[in-house]
Each structure stands twice: as structure tokens, then as C-alpha cells.
Amino acid sequence: MALNAELFEQINKSMFTIKIKGRNKARGVVWLEPGVNYLKIYFTKGKYHSNLFEIFPNGWGGYPYIKINPQNYNIEQILKLNSVALERIQVIL
């Protein structure tokens, strides 16, 4: 797993991005898009599995995402999906 020092944040107009520094350029790992009563979390491209969240395979830019609301919030499942995204991006760095 990557060191926290390699990860950094970028605040965009409508999203919050977590990126990792690569050899040539930074790559996005996770994108957060807040809504009124929900949060969409987009992940690095690939297939993801979750027993709790419905994973939408073709979100913005073709990135898979989950939609979190107060009824289905589970930090452990979110962290597992984030770890999978981080492992996938490290393979191509």
C-alpha cells in the first residue's frame, strides 16, 4: 500500500479528488462528488464488488461509483473499496 506522503488532495469546482504521485504524473484514485443528501464516490476504472453498495459501472468518465446516503453509510466498506482502487492504480504507476 502507498505511503500517505504519496497521496494528495485536489479540490475542483464540483469534486474533491485524491491522487497519488507517479513517476511521470499524478493519477486520480478516488473522486468525491457531494449532493444534497448523498455522496457519490468514483473509483479508478475496474470491477468492484460490495455486499452493501450497488456499484454503478459506468459513471462520469466511465469510472465506477457508489452512491452513499445516511441509510447505507458504512465506513469499513468504503475503505475496502478505496484500498482496491489504490492497489489498481499502483499497478500502472
N, C-alpha and C. Protein backbone atom coordinates (compact mmCIF):
# COMPACT_ATOMS: atom_id res chain seq x y z
N MET A 1 0.84 -1.18 0.00
CA MET A 1 0.00 0.00 0.00
C MET A 1 0.89 1.24 0.00
N ALA A 2 0.41 2.31 -0.59
CA ALA A 2 1.18 3.55 -0.71
C ALA A 2 1.31 4.25 0.64
N LEU A 3 2.37 5.01 0.76
CA LEU A 3 2.55 5.84 1.94
C LEU A 3 1.63 7.04 1.85
N ASN A 4 1.16 7.54 2.97
CA ASN A 4 0.28 8.72 2.96
C ASN A 4 0.96 9.92 2.32
N ALA A 5 2.28 9.99 2.40
CA ALA A 5 3.01 11.12 1.82
C ALA A 5 2.87 11.16 0.30
N GLU A 6 2.59 10.03 -0.32
CA GLU A 6 2.44 9.98 -1.77
C GLU A 6 1.06 10.44 -2.23
N LEU A 7 0.09 10.40 -1.33
CA LEU A 7 -1.27 10.81 -1.66
C LEU A 7 -1.44 12.31 -1.43
N PHE A 8 -2.23 12.95 -2.29
CA PHE A 8 -2.53 14.35 -2.07
C PHE A 8 -3.94 14.65 -2.57
N GLU A 9 -4.45 15.79 -2.16
CA GLU A 9 -5.82 16.19 -2.47
C GLU A 9 -5.83 17.28 -3.53
N GLN A 10 -6.91 17.32 -4.28
CA GLN A 10 -7.14 18.40 -5.24
C GLN A 10 -8.61 18.76 -5.16
N ILE A 11 -8.88 20.02 -4.94
CA ILE A 11 -10.26 20.48 -4.87
C ILE A 11 -10.62 21.11 -6.21
N ASN A 12 -11.64 20.55 -6.83
CA ASN A 12 -12.13 21.06 -8.11
C ASN A 12 -13.44 21.80 -7.86
N LYS A 13 -14.04 22.30 -8.91
CA LYS A 13 -15.28 23.05 -8.77
C LYS A 13 -16.41 22.22 -8.17
N SER A 14 -16.56 20.97 -8.61
CA SER A 14 -17.68 20.16 -8.13
C SER A 14 -17.24 18.85 -7.47
N MET A 15 -15.93 18.58 -7.43
CA MET A 15 -15.44 17.33 -6.87
C MET A 15 -14.20 17.54 -6.03
N PHE A 16 -13.97 16.59 -5.17
CA PHE A 16 -12.76 16.52 -4.36
C PHE A 16 -12.03 15.27 -4.83
N THR A 17 -10.77 15.40 -5.21
CA THR A 17 -10.01 14.29 -5.78
C THR A 17 -8.87 13.90 -4.86
N ILE A 18 -8.65 12.61 -4.72
CA ILE A 18 -7.48 12.09 -4.03
C ILE A 18 -6.61 11.46 -5.10
N LYS A 19 -5.37 11.95 -5.19
CA LYS A 19 -4.45 11.49 -6.22
C LYS A 19 -3.20 10.91 -5.59
N ILE A 20 -2.45 10.17 -6.40
CA ILE A 20 -1.18 9.62 -5.96
C ILE A 20 -0.11 10.07 -6.95
N LYS A 21 1.04 10.43 -6.42
CA LYS A 21 2.14 10.87 -7.27
C LYS A 21 2.76 9.66 -7.95
N GLY A 22 2.88 9.75 -9.27
CA GLY A 22 3.51 8.69 -10.06
C GLY A 22 4.87 9.14 -10.54
N ARG A 23 5.51 8.31 -11.34
CA ARG A 23 6.83 8.67 -11.87
C ARG A 23 6.74 9.88 -12.81
N ASN A 24 5.75 9.86 -13.70
CA ASN A 24 5.63 10.92 -14.69
C ASN A 24 4.54 11.94 -14.39
N LYS A 25 3.46 11.47 -13.78
CA LYS A 25 2.36 12.38 -13.48
C LYS A 25 1.54 11.82 -12.33
N ALA A 26 0.68 12.66 -11.80
CA ALA A 26 -0.22 12.24 -10.72
C ALA A 26 -1.42 11.54 -11.34
N ARG A 27 -1.93 10.55 -10.64
CA ARG A 27 -3.10 9.82 -11.11
C ARG A 27 -4.19 9.85 -10.06
N GLY A 28 -5.43 10.02 -10.51
CA GLY A 28 -6.57 10.02 -9.61
C GLY A 28 -6.87 8.62 -9.11
N VAL A 29 -7.20 8.52 -7.84
CA VAL A 29 -7.55 7.24 -7.23
C VAL A 29 -9.03 7.23 -6.90
N VAL A 30 -9.50 8.29 -6.25
CA VAL A 30 -10.88 8.39 -5.80
C VAL A 30 -11.36 9.82 -6.01
N TRP A 31 -12.61 9.96 -6.46
CA TRP A 31 -13.23 11.27 -6.64
C TRP A 31 -14.50 11.31 -5.81
N LEU A 32 -14.69 12.38 -5.07
CA LEU A 32 -15.89 12.55 -4.25
C LEU A 32 -16.74 13.67 -4.83
N GLU A 33 -18.01 13.37 -5.06
CA GLU A 33 -18.95 14.34 -5.61
C GLU A 33 -20.13 14.47 -4.64
N PRO A 34 -20.17 15.56 -3.87
CA PRO A 34 -21.27 15.71 -2.91
C PRO A 34 -22.57 16.12 -3.59
N GLY A 35 -23.67 15.63 -3.03
CA GLY A 35 -25.01 16.01 -3.45
C GLY A 35 -25.75 16.56 -2.24
N VAL A 36 -27.02 16.81 -2.37
CA VAL A 36 -27.80 17.38 -1.27
C VAL A 36 -27.88 16.40 -0.10
N ASN A 37 -28.33 15.19 -0.32
CA ASN A 37 -28.45 14.19 0.75
C ASN A 37 -27.68 12.91 0.42
N TYR A 38 -26.65 13.02 -0.39
CA TYR A 38 -25.88 11.85 -0.79
C TYR A 38 -24.46 12.26 -1.16
N LEU A 39 -23.62 11.26 -1.31
CA LEU A 39 -22.25 11.46 -1.76
C LEU A 39 -21.94 10.37 -2.77
N LYS A 40 -21.46 10.75 -3.94
CA LYS A 40 -21.01 9.77 -4.92
C LYS A 40 -19.50 9.64 -4.79
N ILE A 41 -19.03 8.41 -4.76
CA ILE A 41 -17.58 8.15 -4.73
C ILE A 41 -17.24 7.38 -5.99
N TYR A 42 -16.41 7.99 -6.83
CA TYR A 42 -15.94 7.37 -8.06
C TYR A 42 -14.58 6.74 -7.79
N PHE A 43 -14.32 5.59 -8.42
CA PHE A 43 -13.07 4.87 -8.22
C PHE A 43 -12.32 4.72 -9.54
N THR A 44 -11.03 4.42 -9.43
CA THR A 44 -10.22 4.09 -10.59
C THR A 44 -10.94 3.00 -11.39
N LYS A 45 -10.80 3.02 -12.70
CA LYS A 45 -11.52 2.07 -13.55
C LYS A 45 -11.17 0.63 -13.19
N GLY A 46 -12.16 -0.22 -13.27
CA GLY A 46 -12.02 -1.64 -12.95
C GLY A 46 -13.33 -2.17 -12.40
N LYS A 47 -13.32 -3.44 -12.01
CA LYS A 47 -14.52 -4.04 -11.44
C LYS A 47 -14.39 -4.05 -9.92
N TYR A 48 -15.46 -3.68 -9.27
CA TYR A 48 -15.52 -3.63 -7.81
C TYR A 48 -16.71 -4.44 -7.33
N HIS A 49 -16.57 -5.00 -6.13
CA HIS A 49 -17.64 -5.81 -5.55
C HIS A 49 -17.91 -5.34 -4.13
N SER A 50 -19.18 -5.28 -3.77
CA SER A 50 -19.57 -4.89 -2.42
C SER A 50 -20.88 -5.58 -2.07
N ASN A 51 -20.97 -6.03 -0.83
CA ASN A 51 -22.21 -6.65 -0.35
C ASN A 51 -23.22 -5.59 0.09
N LEU A 52 -22.76 -4.37 0.31
CA LEU A 52 -23.63 -3.32 0.82
C LEU A 52 -24.05 -2.32 -0.25
N PHE A 53 -23.11 -1.88 -1.06
CA PHE A 53 -23.36 -0.82 -2.04
C PHE A 53 -23.63 -1.39 -3.42
N GLU A 54 -24.56 -0.75 -4.13
CA GLU A 54 -24.70 -1.03 -5.56
C GLU A 54 -23.59 -0.27 -6.26
N ILE A 55 -22.83 -0.96 -7.06
CA ILE A 55 -21.73 -0.32 -7.78
C ILE A 55 -22.19 -0.09 -9.22
N PHE A 56 -22.22 1.19 -9.59
CA PHE A 56 -22.62 1.58 -10.93
C PHE A 56 -21.35 1.57 -11.79
N PRO A 57 -21.29 0.71 -12.82
CA PRO A 57 -20.03 0.52 -13.55
C PRO A 57 -19.63 1.64 -14.50
N ASN A 58 -20.57 2.43 -14.97
CA ASN A 58 -20.23 3.44 -15.98
C ASN A 58 -20.72 4.82 -15.57
N GLY A 59 -20.04 5.41 -14.60
CA GLY A 59 -20.39 6.76 -14.16
C GLY A 59 -19.68 7.80 -14.99
N TRP A 60 -19.54 8.97 -14.46
CA TRP A 60 -18.85 10.09 -15.09
C TRP A 60 -17.49 9.62 -15.61
N GLY A 61 -17.23 9.83 -16.88
CA GLY A 61 -15.95 9.48 -17.49
C GLY A 61 -15.71 7.98 -17.58
N GLY A 62 -16.73 7.17 -17.36
CA GLY A 62 -16.57 5.73 -17.41
C GLY A 62 -16.04 5.12 -16.12
N TYR A 63 -15.99 5.93 -15.06
CA TYR A 63 -15.48 5.45 -13.77
C TYR A 63 -16.62 4.85 -12.95
N PRO A 64 -16.39 3.69 -12.34
CA PRO A 64 -17.41 3.10 -11.47
C PRO A 64 -17.61 3.95 -10.22
N TYR A 65 -18.83 3.91 -9.68
CA TYR A 65 -19.09 4.71 -8.48
C TYR A 65 -20.14 4.05 -7.59
N ILE A 66 -20.16 4.52 -6.36
CA ILE A 66 -21.21 4.15 -5.41
C ILE A 66 -21.89 5.43 -4.96
N LYS A 67 -23.12 5.28 -4.52
CA LYS A 67 -23.87 6.43 -4.02
C LYS A 67 -24.18 6.17 -2.55
N ILE A 68 -23.70 7.05 -1.69
CA ILE A 68 -23.85 6.89 -0.25
C ILE A 68 -24.89 7.89 0.25
N ASN A 69 -25.76 7.40 1.12
CA ASN A 69 -26.72 8.26 1.79
C ASN A 69 -26.74 7.88 3.26
N PRO A 70 -27.45 8.61 4.10
CA PRO A 70 -27.45 8.29 5.54
C PRO A 70 -27.91 6.87 5.87
N GLN A 71 -28.72 6.26 5.03
CA GLN A 71 -29.23 4.92 5.30
C GLN A 71 -28.23 3.80 4.98
N ASN A 72 -27.30 4.03 4.06
CA ASN A 72 -26.38 2.95 3.68
C ASN A 72 -24.92 3.26 3.98
N TYR A 73 -24.64 4.24 4.81
CA TYR A 73 -23.27 4.64 5.13
C TYR A 73 -22.58 3.53 5.91
N ASN A 74 -21.40 3.11 5.43
CA ASN A 74 -20.60 2.09 6.13
C ASN A 74 -19.13 2.36 5.81
N ILE A 75 -18.41 2.91 6.77
CA ILE A 75 -17.03 3.33 6.53
C ILE A 75 -16.12 2.16 6.22
N GLU A 76 -16.36 0.99 6.80
CA GLU A 76 -15.50 -0.17 6.54
C GLU A 76 -15.59 -0.60 5.08
N GLN A 77 -16.79 -0.64 4.52
CA GLN A 77 -16.96 -0.99 3.11
C GLN A 77 -16.34 0.06 2.19
N ILE A 78 -16.47 1.31 2.56
CA ILE A 78 -15.88 2.39 1.76
C ILE A 78 -14.36 2.28 1.76
N LEU A 79 -13.77 2.02 2.91
CA LEU A 79 -12.32 1.87 3.00
C LEU A 79 -11.83 0.66 2.19
N LYS A 80 -12.58 -0.43 2.19
CA LYS A 80 -12.20 -1.60 1.39
C LYS A 80 -12.19 -1.26 -0.10
N LEU A 81 -13.23 -0.56 -0.56
CA LEU A 81 -13.29 -0.18 -1.97
C LEU A 81 -12.17 0.80 -2.32
N ASN A 82 -11.86 1.72 -1.41
CA ASN A 82 -10.75 2.66 -1.64
C ASN A 82 -9.42 1.92 -1.73
N SER A 83 -9.24 0.90 -0.90
CA SER A 83 -8.00 0.11 -0.94
C SER A 83 -7.85 -0.61 -2.28
N VAL A 84 -8.95 -1.14 -2.79
CA VAL A 84 -8.91 -1.81 -4.09
C VAL A 84 -8.51 -0.81 -5.17
N ALA A 85 -9.09 0.39 -5.14
CA ALA A 85 -8.76 1.43 -6.12
C ALA A 85 -7.28 1.80 -6.03
N LEU A 86 -6.76 1.93 -4.84
CA LEU A 86 -5.35 2.29 -4.65
C LEU A 86 -4.43 1.18 -5.16
N GLU A 87 -4.78 -0.06 -4.91
CA GLU A 87 -3.97 -1.18 -5.42
C GLU A 87 -3.97 -1.18 -6.95
N ARG A 88 -5.12 -0.91 -7.56
CA ARG A 88 -5.21 -0.90 -9.03
C ARG A 88 -4.35 0.20 -9.64
N ILE A 89 -4.36 1.35 -9.03
CA ILE A 89 -3.60 2.47 -9.61
C ILE A 89 -2.10 2.25 -9.43
N GLN A 90 -1.70 1.60 -8.35
CA GLN A 90 -0.29 1.35 -8.11
C GLN A 90 0.30 0.40 -9.14
N VAL A 91 -0.51 -0.48 -9.69
CA VAL A 91 -0.04 -1.42 -10.70
C VAL A 91 0.44 -0.67 -11.95
N ILE A 92 -0.22 0.43 -12.30
CA ILE A 92 0.15 1.16 -13.52
C ILE A 92 1.15 2.28 -13.27
N LEU A 93 1.47 2.56 -12.01
CA LEU A 93 2.45 3.61 -11.74
C LEU A 93 3.79 3.07 -12.07
